[in-house]
PDB file of N, CA and C in Angstrom:
ATOM      1  N   MET A   1      -2.753 -16.592   6.852  1.00  0.00           N
ATOM      2  CA  MET A   1      -2.882 -17.758   5.969  1.00  0.00           C
ATOM      3  C   MET A   1      -4.309 -17.804   5.418  1.00  0.00           C
ATOM      4  N   THR A   2      -4.423 -18.084   4.156  1.00  0.00           N
ATOM      5  CA  THR A   2      -5.742 -18.170   3.534  1.00  0.00           C
ATOM      6  C   THR A   2      -6.234 -19.615   3.580  1.00  0.00           C
ATOM      7  N   ASP A   3      -7.518 -19.785   3.343  1.00  0.00           N
ATOM      8  CA  ASP A   3      -8.109 -21.121   3.301  1.00  0.00           C
ATOM      9  C   ASP A   3      -8.913 -21.253   2.014  1.00  0.00           C
ATOM     10  N   THR A   4      -8.182 -21.301   0.904  1.00  0.00           N
ATOM     11  CA  THR A   4      -8.812 -21.409  -0.405  1.00  0.00           C
ATOM     12  C   THR A   4      -8.639 -22.841  -0.919  1.00  0.00           C
ATOM     13  N   THR A   5      -9.230 -23.104  -2.057  1.00  0.00           N
ATOM     14  CA  THR A   5      -9.083 -24.423  -2.680  1.00  0.00           C
ATOM     15  C   THR A   5      -7.622 -24.723  -2.974  1.00  0.00           C
ATOM     16  N   ILE A   6      -6.853 -23.739  -3.422  1.00  0.00           N
ATOM     17  CA  ILE A   6      -5.442 -23.998  -3.730  1.00  0.00           C
ATOM     18  C   ILE A   6      -4.639 -24.267  -2.453  1.00  0.00           C
ATOM     19  N   ASP A   7      -5.020 -23.644  -1.346  1.00  0.00           N
ATOM     20  CA  ASP A   7      -4.360 -23.954  -0.069  1.00  0.00           C
ATOM     21  C   ASP A   7      -4.612 -25.409   0.332  1.00  0.00           C
ATOM     22  N   ARG A   8      -5.853 -25.856   0.176  1.00  0.00           N
ATOM     23  CA  ARG A   8      -6.170 -27.257   0.504  1.00  0.00           C
ATOM     24  C   ARG A   8      -5.418 -28.207  -0.431  1.00  0.00           C
ATOM     25  N   TYR A   9      -5.365 -27.856  -1.718  1.00  0.00           N
ATOM     26  CA  TYR A   9      -4.662 -28.674  -2.708  1.00  0.00           C
ATOM     27  C   TYR A   9      -3.184 -28.828  -2.356  1.00  0.00           C
ATOM     28  N   ILE A  10      -2.488 -27.725  -2.088  1.00  0.00           N
ATOM     29  CA  ILE A  10      -1.057 -27.806  -1.791  1.00  0.00           C
ATOM     30  C   ILE A  10      -0.831 -28.526  -0.466  1.00  0.00           C
ATOM     31  N   GLY A  11      -1.651 -28.244   0.524  1.00  0.00           N
ATOM     32  CA  GLY A  11      -1.526 -28.929   1.803  1.00  0.00           C
ATOM     33  C   GLY A  11      -1.709 -30.430   1.693  1.00  0.00           C
ATOM     34  N   LEU A  12      -2.633 -30.854   0.866  1.00  0.00           N
ATOM     35  CA  LEU A  12      -2.879 -32.289   0.674  1.00  0.00           C
ATOM     36  C   LEU A  12      -1.775 -32.959  -0.129  1.00  0.00           C
ATOM     37  N   ALA A  13      -1.064 -32.212  -0.958  1.00  0.00           N
ATOM     38  CA  ALA A  13      -0.018 -32.805  -1.801  1.00  0.00           C
ATOM     39  C   ALA A  13       1.041 -33.516  -0.961  1.00  0.00           C
ATOM     40  N   ASP A  14       1.446 -32.905   0.149  1.00  0.00           N
ATOM     41  CA  ASP A  14       2.451 -33.553   1.003  1.00  0.00           C
ATOM     42  C   ASP A  14       1.882 -34.798   1.677  1.00  0.00           C
ATOM     43  N   GLN A  15       0.650 -34.724   2.143  1.00  0.00           N
ATOM     44  CA  GLN A  15       0.018 -35.876   2.787  1.00  0.00           C
ATOM     45  C   GLN A  15      -0.206 -37.017   1.797  1.00  0.00           C
ATOM     46  N   ALA A  16      -0.516 -36.652   0.553  1.00  0.00           N
ATOM     47  CA  ALA A  16      -0.863 -37.649  -0.466  1.00  0.00           C
ATOM     48  C   ALA A  16       0.305 -38.574  -0.807  1.00  0.00           C
ATOM     49  N   VAL A  17       1.520 -38.154  -0.504  1.00  0.00           N
ATOM     50  CA  VAL A  17       2.678 -39.015  -0.746  1.00  0.00           C
ATOM     51  C   VAL A  17       2.565 -40.296   0.084  1.00  0.00           C
ATOM     52  N   HIS A  18       1.917 -40.204   1.268  1.00  0.00           N
ATOM     53  CA  HIS A  18       1.845 -41.333   2.200  1.00  0.00           C
ATOM     54  C   HIS A  18       0.433 -41.850   2.464  1.00  0.00           C
ATOM     55  N   ASP A  19      -0.582 -41.113   2.055  1.00  0.00           N
ATOM     56  CA  ASP A  19      -1.937 -41.381   2.537  1.00  0.00           C
ATOM     57  C   ASP A  19      -2.939 -41.407   1.383  1.00  0.00           C
ATOM     58  N   GLU A  20      -3.482 -42.571   1.102  1.00  0.00           N
ATOM     59  CA  GLU A  20      -4.434 -42.730  -0.003  1.00  0.00           C
ATOM     60  C   GLU A  20      -5.660 -41.840   0.180  1.00  0.00           C
ATOM     61  N   SER A  21      -6.131 -41.664   1.410  1.00  0.00           N
ATOM     62  CA  SER A  21      -7.311 -40.816   1.607  1.00  0.00           C
ATOM     63  C   SER A  21      -7.015 -39.369   1.230  1.00  0.00           C
ATOM     64  N   ALA A  22      -5.771 -38.918   1.417  1.00  0.00           N
ATOM     65  CA  ALA A  22      -5.390 -37.563   0.999  1.00  0.00           C
ATOM     66  C   ALA A  22      -5.350 -37.452  -0.523  1.00  0.00           C
ATOM     67  N   VAL A  23      -4.948 -38.531  -1.198  1.00  0.00           N
ATOM     68  CA  VAL A  23      -4.966 -38.539  -2.666  1.00  0.00           C
ATOM     69  C   VAL A  23      -6.406 -38.357  -3.151  1.00  0.00           C
ATOM     70  N   VAL A  24      -7.313 -39.122  -2.582  1.00  0.00           N
ATOM     71  CA  VAL A  24      -8.722 -39.058  -2.977  1.00  0.00           C
ATOM     72  C   VAL A  24      -9.284 -37.666  -2.696  1.00  0.00           C
ATOM     73  N   GLU A  25      -8.960 -37.117  -1.520  1.00  0.00           N
ATOM     74  CA  GLU A  25      -9.440 -35.779  -1.164  1.00  0.00           C
ATOM     75  C   GLU A  25      -8.868 -34.719  -2.100  1.00  0.00           C
ATOM     76  N   MET A  26      -7.590 -34.834  -2.442  1.00  0.00           N
ATOM     77  CA  MET A  26      -6.960 -33.882  -3.343  1.00  0.00           C
ATOM     78  C   MET A  26      -7.610 -33.941  -4.730  1.00  0.00           C
ATOM     79  N   LEU A  27      -7.816 -35.142  -5.253  1.00  0.00           N
ATOM     80  CA  LEU A  27      -8.423 -35.290  -6.575  1.00  0.00           C
ATOM     81  C   LEU A  27      -9.857 -34.770  -6.605  1.00  0.00           C
ATOM     82  N   ALA A  28     -10.551 -34.840  -5.475  1.00  0.00           N
ATOM     83  CA  ALA A  28     -11.932 -34.347  -5.394  1.00  0.00           C
ATOM     84  C   ALA A  28     -12.013 -32.827  -5.489  1.00  0.00           C
ATOM     85  N   LEU A  29     -10.882 -32.137  -5.401  1.00  0.00           N
ATOM     86  CA  LEU A  29     -10.867 -30.680  -5.529  1.00  0.00           C
ATOM     87  C   LEU A  29     -10.963 -30.222  -6.977  1.00  0.00           C
ATOM     88  N   PHE A  30     -10.882 -31.163  -7.930  1.00  0.00           N
ATOM     89  CA  PHE A  30     -10.916 -30.822  -9.348  1.00  0.00           C
ATOM     90  C   PHE A  30     -12.289 -31.066  -9.946  1.00  0.00           C
ATOM     91  N   ALA A  31     -12.728 -30.132 -10.783  1.00  0.00           N
ATOM     92  CA  ALA A  31     -13.961 -30.314 -11.552  1.00  0.00           C
ATOM     93  C   ALA A  31     -13.747 -31.462 -12.540  1.00  0.00           C
ATOM     94  N   PRO A  32     -14.826 -32.161 -12.940  1.00  0.00           N
ATOM     95  CA  PRO A  32     -14.679 -33.317 -13.841  1.00  0.00           C
ATOM     96  C   PRO A  32     -13.957 -33.019 -15.152  1.00  0.00           C
ATOM     97  N   ASP A  33     -14.100 -31.811 -15.679  1.00  0.00           N
ATOM     98  CA  ASP A  33     -13.488 -31.465 -16.965  1.00  0.00           C
ATOM     99  C   ASP A  33     -12.298 -30.511 -16.805  1.00  0.00           C
ATOM    100  N   ALA A  34     -11.670 -30.517 -15.635  1.00  0.00           N
ATOM    101  CA  ALA A  34     -10.566 -29.602 -15.334  1.00  0.00           C
ATOM    102  C   ALA A  34      -9.363 -29.850 -16.237  1.00  0.00           C
ATOM    103  N   THR A  35      -8.506 -28.834 -16.312  1.00  0.00           N
ATOM    104  CA  THR A  35      -7.224 -28.912 -17.007  1.00  0.00           C
ATOM    105  C   THR A  35      -6.128 -28.615 -15.998  1.00  0.00           C
ATOM    106  N   VAL A  36      -5.068 -29.440 -16.047  1.00  0.00           N
ATOM    107  CA  VAL A  36      -3.902 -29.242 -15.183  1.00  0.00           C
ATOM    108  C   VAL A  36      -2.678 -29.165 -16.086  1.00  0.00           C
ATOM    109  N   GLN A  37      -1.879 -28.118 -15.900  1.00  0.00           N
ATOM    110  CA  GLN A  37      -0.628 -28.028 -16.638  1.00  0.00           C
ATOM    111  C   GLN A  37       0.492 -27.742 -15.652  1.00  0.00           C
ATOM    112  N   ILE A  38       1.153 -28.810 -15.244  1.00  0.00           N
ATOM    113  CA  ILE A  38       2.316 -28.704 -14.368  1.00  0.00           C
ATOM    114  C   ILE A  38       3.563 -29.006 -15.180  1.00  0.00           C
ATOM    115  N   GLY A  39       3.486 -29.990 -16.037  1.00  0.00           N
ATOM    116  CA  GLY A  39       4.586 -30.324 -16.932  1.00  0.00           C
ATOM    117  C   GLY A  39       4.405 -29.640 -18.270  1.00  0.00           C
ATOM    118  N   PRO A  40       5.120 -30.117 -19.270  1.00  0.00           N
ATOM    119  CA  PRO A  40       5.068 -29.462 -20.585  1.00  0.00           C
ATOM    120  C   PRO A  40       3.719 -29.614 -21.300  1.00  0.00           C
ATOM    121  N   GLU A  41       3.008 -30.688 -21.020  1.00  0.00           N
ATOM    122  CA  GLU A  41       1.729 -30.936 -21.700  1.00  0.00           C
ATOM    123  C   GLU A  41       0.581 -30.921 -20.696  1.00  0.00           C
ATOM    124  N   PRO A  42      -0.515 -30.232 -21.025  1.00  0.00           N
ATOM    125  CA  PRO A  42      -1.662 -30.233 -20.118  1.00  0.00           C
ATOM    126  C   PRO A  42      -2.354 -31.589 -20.098  1.00  0.00           C
ATOM    127  N   VAL A  43      -2.979 -31.900 -18.961  1.00  0.00           N
ATOM    128  CA  VAL A  43      -3.847 -33.070 -18.869  1.00  0.00           C
ATOM    129  C   VAL A  43      -5.253 -32.560 -18.596  1.00  0.00           C
ATOM    130  N   ARG A  44      -6.241 -33.237 -19.198  1.00  0.00           N
ATOM    131  CA  ARG A  44      -7.633 -32.783 -19.091  1.00  0.00           C
ATOM    132  C   ARG A  44      -8.527 -33.943 -18.681  1.00  0.00           C
ATOM    133  N   GLY A  45      -9.452 -33.618 -17.798  1.00  0.00           N
ATOM    134  CA  GLY A  45     -10.453 -34.592 -17.392  1.00  0.00           C
ATOM    135  C   GLY A  45     -10.013 -35.390 -16.181  1.00  0.00           C
ATOM    136  N   ARG A  46     -10.999 -35.851 -15.450  1.00  0.00           N
ATOM    137  CA  ARG A  46     -10.778 -36.520 -14.165  1.00  0.00           C
ATOM    138  C   ARG A  46      -9.830 -37.715 -14.269  1.00  0.00           C
ATOM    139  N   GLU A  47     -10.017 -38.601 -15.248  1.00  0.00           N
ATOM    140  CA  GLU A  47      -9.175 -39.802 -15.360  1.00  0.00           C
ATOM    141  C   GLU A  47      -7.727 -39.441 -15.665  1.00  0.00           C
ATOM    142  N   ALA A  48      -7.503 -38.519 -16.578  1.00  0.00           N
ATOM    143  CA  ALA A  48      -6.137 -38.118 -16.930  1.00  0.00           C
ATOM    144  C   ALA A  48      -5.455 -37.413 -15.767  1.00  0.00           C
ATOM    145  N   ILE A  49      -6.206 -36.584 -15.037  1.00  0.00           N
ATOM    146  CA  ILE A  49      -5.645 -35.885 -13.877  1.00  0.00           C
ATOM    147  C   ILE A  49      -5.284 -36.889 -12.789  1.00  0.00           C
ATOM    148  N   GLU A  50      -6.142 -37.855 -12.538  1.00  0.00           N
ATOM    149  CA  GLU A  50      -5.828 -38.880 -11.534  1.00  0.00           C
ATOM    150  C   GLU A  50      -4.583 -39.662 -11.928  1.00  0.00           C
ATOM    151  N   ALA A  51      -4.489 -40.085 -13.172  1.00  0.00           N
ATOM    152  CA  ALA A  51      -3.316 -40.839 -13.633  1.00  0.00           C
ATOM    153  C   ALA A  51      -2.049 -39.997 -13.485  1.00  0.00           C
ATOM    154  N   PHE A  52      -2.125 -38.711 -13.838  1.00  0.00           N
ATOM    155  CA  PHE A  52      -0.978 -37.820 -13.708  1.00  0.00           C
ATOM    156  C   PHE A  52      -0.517 -37.732 -12.256  1.00  0.00           C
ATOM    157  N   TYR A  53      -1.441 -37.447 -11.348  1.00  0.00           N
ATOM    158  CA  TYR A  53      -1.051 -37.272  -9.944  1.00  0.00           C
ATOM    159  C   TYR A  53      -0.579 -38.564  -9.303  1.00  0.00           C
ATOM    160  N   ARG A  54      -1.185 -39.674  -9.633  1.00  0.00           N
ATOM    161  CA  ARG A  54      -0.722 -40.940  -9.049  1.00  0.00           C
ATOM    162  C   ARG A  54       0.708 -41.251  -9.504  1.00  0.00           C
ATOM    163  N   ALA A  55       1.020 -41.011 -10.758  1.00  0.00           N
ATOM    164  CA  ALA A  55       2.382 -41.231 -11.255  1.00  0.00           C
ATOM    165  C   ALA A  55       3.344 -40.227 -10.615  1.00  0.00           C
ATOM    166  N   HIS A  56       2.929 -38.983 -10.505  1.00  0.00           N
ATOM    167  CA  HIS A  56       3.759 -37.936  -9.903  1.00  0.00           C
ATOM    168  C   HIS A  56       4.052 -38.253  -8.430  1.00  0.00           C
ATOM    169  N   LEU A  57       3.038 -38.571  -7.669  1.00  0.00           N
ATOM    170  CA  LEU A  57       3.214 -38.845  -6.239  1.00  0.00           C
ATOM    171  C   LEU A  57       4.087 -40.072  -5.992  1.00  0.00           C
ATOM    172  N   ALA A  58       4.056 -41.029  -6.890  1.00  0.00           N
ATOM    173  CA  ALA A  58       4.860 -42.253  -6.731  1.00  0.00           C
ATOM    174  C   ALA A  58       6.359 -41.978  -6.813  1.00  0.00           C
ATOM    175  N   THR A  59       6.750 -40.819  -7.330  1.00  0.00           N
ATOM    176  CA  THR A  59       8.176 -40.504  -7.448  1.00  0.00           C
ATOM    177  C   THR A  59       8.764 -39.969  -6.144  1.00  0.00           C
ATOM    178  N   PHE A  60       7.922 -39.733  -5.133  1.00  0.00           N
ATOM    179  CA  PHE A  60       8.369 -39.146  -3.873  1.00  0.00           C
ATOM    180  C   PHE A  60       8.364 -40.156  -2.730  1.00  0.00           C
ATOM    181  N   GLU A  61       9.345 -40.013  -1.847  1.00  0.00           N
ATOM    182  CA  GLU A  61       9.312 -40.701  -0.560  1.00  0.00           C
ATOM    183  C   GLU A  61       8.704 -39.773   0.486  1.00  0.00           C
ATOM    184  N   ASP A  62       9.022 -38.481   0.376  1.00  0.00           N
ATOM    185  CA  ASP A  62       8.496 -37.487   1.309  1.00  0.00           C
ATOM    186  C   ASP A  62       8.643 -36.107   0.675  1.00  0.00           C
ATOM    187  N   SER A  63       7.774 -35.165   1.058  1.00  0.00           N
ATOM    188  CA  SER A  63       7.900 -33.796   0.555  1.00  0.00           C
ATOM    189  C   SER A  63       7.294 -32.826   1.552  1.00  0.00           C
ATOM    190  N   ARG A  64       7.720 -31.587   1.428  1.00  0.00           N
ATOM    191  CA  ARG A  64       7.187 -30.519   2.276  1.00  0.00           C
ATOM    192  C   ARG A  64       7.123 -29.234   1.463  1.00  0.00           C
ATOM    193  N   HIS A  65       5.912 -28.672   1.384  1.00  0.00           N
ATOM    194  CA  HIS A  65       5.675 -27.422   0.673  1.00  0.00           C
ATOM    195  C   HIS A  65       5.456 -26.266   1.656  1.00  0.00           C
ATOM    196  N   TYR A  66       5.886 -25.094   1.225  1.00  0.00           N
ATOM    197  CA  TYR A  66       5.570 -23.832   1.898  1.00  0.00           C
ATOM    198  C   TYR A  66       5.052 -22.906   0.816  1.00  0.00           C
ATOM    199  N   TRP A  67       4.035 -22.113   1.129  1.00  0.00           N
ATOM    200  CA  TRP A  67       3.450 -21.278   0.096  1.00  0.00           C
ATOM    201  C   TRP A  67       2.727 -20.072   0.684  1.00  0.00           C
ATOM    202  N   ASN A  68       2.506 -19.089  -0.179  1.00  0.00           N
ATOM    203  CA  ASN A  68       1.687 -17.918   0.114  1.00  0.00           C
ATOM    204  C   ASN A  68       0.661 -17.791  -0.997  1.00  0.00           C
ATOM    205  N   THR A  69      -0.589 -17.582  -0.604  1.00  0.00           N
ATOM    206  CA  THR A  69      -1.683 -17.485  -1.569  1.00  0.00           C
ATOM    207  C   THR A  69      -2.226 -16.068  -1.621  1.00  0.00           C
ATOM    208  N   THR A  70      -2.537 -15.644  -2.832  1.00  0.00           N
ATOM    209  CA  THR A  70      -3.185 -14.363  -3.075  1.00  0.00           C
ATOM    210  C   THR A  70      -4.406 -14.629  -3.943  1.00  0.00           C
ATOM    211  N   VAL A  71      -5.505 -13.963  -3.641  1.00  0.00           N
ATOM    212  CA  VAL A  71      -6.684 -14.014  -4.510  1.00  0.00           C
ATOM    213  C   VAL A  71      -6.621 -12.771  -5.386  1.00  0.00           C
ATOM    214  N   LEU A  72      -6.462 -12.984  -6.687  1.00  0.00           N
ATOM    215  CA  LEU A  72      -6.354 -11.869  -7.625  1.00  0.00           C
ATOM    216  C   LEU A  72      -7.715 -11.223  -7.870  1.00  0.00           C
ATOM    217  N   GLU A  73      -7.720 -10.030  -8.431  1.00  0.00           N
ATOM    218  CA  GLU A  73      -8.963  -9.280  -8.641  1.00  0.00           C
ATOM    219  C   GLU A  73      -9.991 -10.044  -9.464  1.00  0.00           C
ATOM    220  N   ASP A  74      -9.528 -10.860 -10.409  1.00  0.00           N
ATOM    221  CA  ASP A  74     -10.458 -11.628 -11.246  1.00  0.00           C
ATOM    222  C   ASP A  74     -10.909 -12.931 -10.588  1.00  0.00           C
ATOM    223  N   GLY A  75     -10.488 -13.163  -9.329  1.00  0.00           N
ATOM    224  CA  GLY A  75     -10.872 -14.378  -8.611  1.00  0.00           C
ATOM    225  C   GLY A  75      -9.888 -15.523  -8.749  1.00  0.00           C
ATOM    226  N   THR A  76      -8.899 -15.378  -9.633  1.00  0.00           N
ATOM    227  CA  THR A  76      -7.878 -16.415  -9.780  1.00  0.00           C
ATOM    228  C   THR A  76      -7.089 -16.536  -8.482  1.00  0.00           C
ATOM    229  N   LEU A  77      -6.803 -17.765  -8.095  1.00  0.00           N
ATOM    230  CA  LEU A  77      -5.981 -18.028  -6.919  1.00  0.00           C
ATOM    231  C   LEU A  77      -4.538 -18.156  -7.373  1.00  0.00           C
ATOM    232  N   ARG A  78      -3.633 -17.427  -6.719  1.00  0.00           N
ATOM    233  CA  ARG A  78      -2.213 -17.446  -7.063  1.00  0.00           C
ATOM    234  C   ARG A  78      -1.449 -17.905  -5.840  1.00  0.00           C
ATOM    235  N   ALA A  79      -0.662 -18.958  -5.992  1.00  0.00           N
ATOM    236  CA  ALA A  79       0.150 -19.481  -4.887  1.00  0.00           C
ATOM    237  C   ALA A  79       1.610 -19.504  -5.308  1.00  0.00           C
ATOM    238  N   GLU A  80       2.424 -18.763  -4.584  1.00  0.00           N
ATOM    239  CA  GLU A  80       3.869 -18.825  -4.761  1.00  0.00           C
ATOM    240  C   GLU A  80       4.366 -19.867  -3.767  1.00  0.00           C
ATOM    241  N   TRP A  81       5.104 -20.879  -4.257  1.00  0.00           N
ATOM    242  CA  TRP A  81       5.446 -22.017  -3.406  1.00  0.00           C
ATOM    243  C   TRP A  81       6.893 -22.453  -3.578  1.00  0.00           C
ATOM    244  N   VAL A  82       7.378 -23.146  -2.554  1.00  0.00           N
ATOM    245  CA  VAL A  82       8.671 -23.825  -2.585  1.00  0.00           C
ATOM    246  C   VAL A  82       8.460 -25.207  -1.974  1.00  0.00           C
ATOM    247  N   SER A  83       9.319 -26.144  -2.366  1.00  0.00           N
ATOM    248  CA  SER A  83       9.216 -27.495  -1.832  1.00  0.00           C
ATOM    249  C   SER A  83      10.597 -28.126  -1.725  1.00  0.00           C
ATOM    250  N   ALA A  84      10.763 -28.903  -0.682  1.00  0.00           N
ATOM    251  CA  ALA A  84      11.940 -29.762  -0.525  1.00  0.00           C
ATOM    252  C   ALA A  84      11.414 -31.181  -0.427  1.00  0.00           C
ATOM    253  N   ALA A  85      12.126 -32.111  -1.056  1.00  0.00           N
ATOM    254  CA  ALA A  85      11.621 -33.481  -1.085  1.00  0.00           C
ATOM    255  C   ALA A  85      12.758 -34.494  -1.108  1.00  0.00           C
ATOM    256  N   ARG A  86      12.428 -35.693  -0.637  1.00  0.00           N
ATOM    257  CA  ARG A  86      13.273 -36.865  -0.836  1.00  0.00           C
ATOM    258  C   ARG A  86      12.530 -37.708  -1.860  1.00  0.00           C
ATOM    259  N   MET A  87      13.219 -38.008  -2.941  1.00  0.00           N
ATOM    260  CA  MET A  87      12.595 -38.775  -4.008  1.00  0.00           C
ATOM    261  C   MET A  87      12.578 -40.258  -3.645  1.00  0.00           C
ATOM    262  N   ALA A  88      11.796 -41.038  -4.364  1.00  0.00           N
ATOM    263  CA  ALA A  88      11.691 -42.470  -4.098  1.00  0.00           C
ATOM    264  C   ALA A  88      13.038 -43.173  -4.233  1.00  0.00           C
ATOM    265  N   ASN A  89      13.934 -42.619  -5.053  1.00  0.00           N
ATOM    266  CA  ASN A  89      15.262 -43.217  -5.231  1.00  0.00           C
ATOM    267  C   ASN A  89      16.265 -42.724  -4.189  1.00  0.00           C
ATOM    268  N   GLY A  90      15.806 -41.904  -3.213  1.00  0.00           N
ATOM    269  CA  GLY A  90      16.654 -41.423  -2.134  1.00  0.00           C
ATOM    270  C   GLY A  90      17.297 -40.071  -2.381  1.00  0.00           C
ATOM    271  N   GLN A  91      17.269 -39.577  -3.606  1.00  0.00           N
ATOM    272  CA  GLN A  91      17.871 -38.275  -3.898  1.00  0.00           C
ATOM    273  C   GLN A  91      17.055 -37.149  -3.261  1.00  0.00           C
ATOM    274  N   LEU A  92      17.760 -36.073  -2.898  1.00  0.00           N
ATOM    275  CA  LEU A  92      17.104 -34.881  -2.379  1.00  0.00           C
ATOM    276  C   LEU A  92      16.827 -33.924  -3.532  1.00  0.00           C
ATOM    277  N   MET A  93      15.733 -33.149  -3.416  1.00  0.00           N
ATOM    278  CA  MET A  93      15.335 -32.271  -4.496  1.00  0.00           C
ATOM    279  C   MET A  93      14.679 -31.027  -3.908  1.00  0.00           C
ATOM    280  N   THR A  94      14.921 -29.875  -4.525  1.00  0.00           N
ATOM    281  CA  THR A  94      14.182 -28.654  -4.219  1.00  0.00           C
ATOM    282  C   THR A  94      13.588 -28.126  -5.518  1.00  0.00           C
ATOM    283  N   VAL A  95      12.497 -27.387  -5.376  1.00  0.00           N
ATOM    284  CA  VAL A  95      11.801 -26.846  -6.532  1.00  0.00           C
ATOM    285  C   VAL A  95      10.941 -25.676  -6.036  1.00  0.00           C
ATOM    286  N   ALA A  96      10.636 -24.741  -6.920  1.00  0.00           N
ATOM    287  CA  ALA A  96       9.765 -23.621  -6.560  1.00  0.00           C
ATOM    288  C   ALA A  96       8.963 -23.193  -7.780  1.00  0.00           C
ATOM    289  N   GLY A  97       7.864 -22.520  -7.522  1.00  0.00           N
ATOM    290  CA  GLY A  97       7.052 -22.058  -8.629  1.00  0.00           C
ATOM    291  C   GLY A  97       5.909 -21.173  -8.199  1.00  0.00           C
ATOM    292  N   VAL A  98       5.094 -20.841  -9.184  1.00  0.00           N
ATOM    293  CA  VAL A  98       3.876 -20.078  -8.961  1.00  0.00           C
ATOM    294  C   VAL A  98       2.760 -20.836  -9.663  1.00  0.00           C
ATOM    295  N   GLU A  99       1.695 -21.125  -8.916  1.00  0.00           N
ATOM    296  CA  GLU A  99       0.534 -21.794  -9.496  1.00  0.00           C
ATOM    297  C   GLU A  99      -0.629 -20.820  -9.535  1.00  0.00           C
ATOM    298  N   HIS A 100      -1.384 -20.898 -10.619  1.00  0.00           N
ATOM    299  CA  HIS A 100      -2.609 -20.126 -10.777  1.00  0.00           C
ATOM    300  C   HIS A 100      -3.752 -21.116 -10.930  1.00  0.00           C
ATOM    301  N   ALA A 101      -4.800 -20.931 -10.142  1.00  0.00           N
ATOM    302  CA  ALA A 101      -5.962 -21.817 -10.224  1.00  0.00           C
ATOM    303  C   ALA A 101      -7.224 -20.995 -10.404  1.00  0.00           C
ATOM    304  N   ARG A 102      -8.054 -21.454 -11.304  1.00  0.00           N
ATOM    305  CA  ARG A 102      -9.397 -20.894 -11.456  1.00  0.00           C
ATOM    306  C   ARG A 102     -10.358 -21.927 -10.889  1.00  0.00           C
ATOM    307  N   VAL A 103     -11.362 -21.459 -10.181  1.00  0.00           N
ATOM    308  CA  VAL A 103     -12.333 -22.363  -9.573  1.00  0.00           C
ATOM    309  C   VAL A 103     -13.735 -22.009 -10.062  1.00  0.00           C
ATOM    310  N   ASP A 104     -14.607 -23.004 -10.025  1.00  0.00           N
ATOM    311  CA  ASP A 104     -15.993 -22.788 -10.428  1.00  0.00           C
ATOM    312  C   ASP A 104     -16.824 -22.336  -9.223  1.00  0.00           C
ATOM    313  N   GLY A 105     -18.114 -22.217  -9.410  1.00  0.00           N
ATOM    314  CA  GLY A 105     -19.019 -21.773  -8.354  1.00  0.00           C
ATOM    315  C   GLY A 105     -19.076 -22.701  -7.159  1.00  0.00           C
ATOM    316  N   LYS A 106     -18.667 -23.957  -7.338  1.00  0.00           N
ATOM    317  CA  LYS A 106     -18.640 -24.924  -6.239  1.00  0.00           C
ATOM    318  C   LYS A 106     -17.284 -24.948  -5.534  1.00  0.00           C
ATOM    319  N   GLY A 107     -16.355 -24.110  -6.004  1.00  0.00           N
ATOM    320  CA  GLY A 107     -15.022 -24.080  -5.416  1.00  0.00           C
ATOM    321  C   GLY A 107     -14.093 -25.151  -5.951  1.00  0.00           C
ATOM    322  N   LEU A 108     -14.490 -25.827  -7.038  1.00  0.00           N
ATOM    323  CA  LEU A 108     -13.647 -26.867  -7.638  1.00  0.00           C
ATOM    324  C   LEU A 108     -12.704 -26.245  -8.668  1.00  0.00           C
ATOM    325  N   ILE A 109     -11.502 -26.763  -8.725  1.00  0.00           N
ATOM    326  CA  ILE A 109     -10.506 -26.258  -9.663  1.00  0.00           C
ATOM    327  C   ILE A 109     -10.899 -26.658 -11.087  1.00  0.00           C
ATOM    328  N   THR A 110     -11.001 -25.657 -11.959  1.00  0.00           N
ATOM    329  CA  THR A 110     -11.293 -25.926 -13.371  1.00  0.00           C
ATOM    330  C   THR A 110     -10.047 -25.812 -14.229  1.00  0.00           C
ATOM    331  N   ASP A 111      -9.077 -25.025 -13.758  1.00  0.00           N
ATOM    332  CA  ASP A 111      -7.849 -24.816 -14.509  1.00  0.00           C
ATOM    333  C   ASP A 111      -6.723 -24.547 -13.514  1.00  0.00           C
ATOM    334  N   LEU A 112      -5.660 -25.350 -13.588  1.00  0.00           N
ATOM    335  CA  LEU A 112      -4.499 -25.186 -12.720  1.00  0.00           C
ATOM    336  C   LEU A 112      -3.263 -25.156 -13.595  1.00  0.00           C
ATOM    337  N   ARG A 113      -2.485 -24.096 -13.463  1.00  0.00           N
ATOM    338  CA  ARG A 113      -1.270 -23.938 -14.262  1.00  0.00           C
ATOM    339  C   ARG A 113      -0.104 -23.575 -13.356  1.00  0.00           C
ATOM    340  N   ASN A 114       1.029 -24.216 -13.597  1.00  0.00           N
ATOM    341  CA  ASN A 114       2.231 -23.965 -12.817  1.00  0.00           C
ATOM    342  C   ASN A 114       3.310 -23.365 -13.700  1.00  0.00           C
ATOM    343  N   GLU A 115       4.049 -22.419 -13.124  1.00  0.00           N
ATOM    344  CA  GLU A 115       5.258 -21.889 -13.754  1.00  0.00           C
ATOM    345  C   GLU A 115       6.383 -22.116 -12.753  1.00  0.00           C
ATOM    346  N   PHE A 116       7.391 -22.878 -13.146  1.00  0.00           N
ATOM    347  CA  PHE A 116       8.524 -23.106 -12.251  1.00  0.00           C
ATOM    348  C   PHE A 116       9.403 -21.861 -12.197  1.00  0.00           C
ATOM    349  N   THR A 117       9.763 -21.442 -10.981  1.00  0.00           N
ATOM    350  CA  THR A 117      10.722 -20.367 -10.800  1.00  0.00           C
ATOM    351  C   THR A 117      12.083 -20.961 -10.418  1.00  0.00           C
ATOM    352  N   ARG A 118      12.082 -22.198  -9.980  1.00  0.00           N
ATOM    353  CA  ARG A 118      13.303 -22.983  -9.743  1.00  0.00           C
ATOM    354  C   ARG A 118      12.961 -24.399 -10.204  1.00  0.00           C
ATOM    355  N   LEU A 119      13.638 -24.833 -11.247  1.00  0.00           N
ATOM    356  CA  LEU A 119      13.371 -26.166 -11.789  1.00  0.00           C
ATOM    357  C   LEU A 119      13.770 -27.245 -10.772  1.00  0.00           C
ATOM    358  N   PRO A 120      13.083 -28.398 -10.830  1.00  0.00           N
ATOM    359  CA  PRO A 120      13.422 -29.475  -9.913  1.00  0.00           C
ATOM    360  C   PRO A 120      14.901 -29.852 -10.031  1.00  0.00           C
ATOM    361  N   GLY A 121      15.531 -30.019  -8.896  1.00  0.00           N
ATOM    362  CA  GLY A 121      16.935 -30.411  -8.929  1.00  0.00           C
ATOM    363  C   GLY A 121      17.560 -30.388  -7.558  1.00  0.00           C
TER     364      GLY A 121
END
């Protein structure tokens, strides 16, 4: 198991569903001018990223991620992941994807992009 910024990010995502301190810790992993593209439109900057994640996390009652991380030759972090979740409305959901993260010299995420390999459902 690796201990990269993307590992901390994915690990905190499950905790953040229930724990405000995990939300704060997860958001602190992003550079102030970072870009996140998980949905169809990218969000940029600390305020937009916080608003995105708070809205996203509110849709879950519980979740559990499993992932494998690779550090690519150019330094990009690549995480292949799967997740099972219970949504706030009680429905069960599974999803999978591959995330690529670029980090700055301080280890903060400057660019995070997700490609779904299994759409939420």
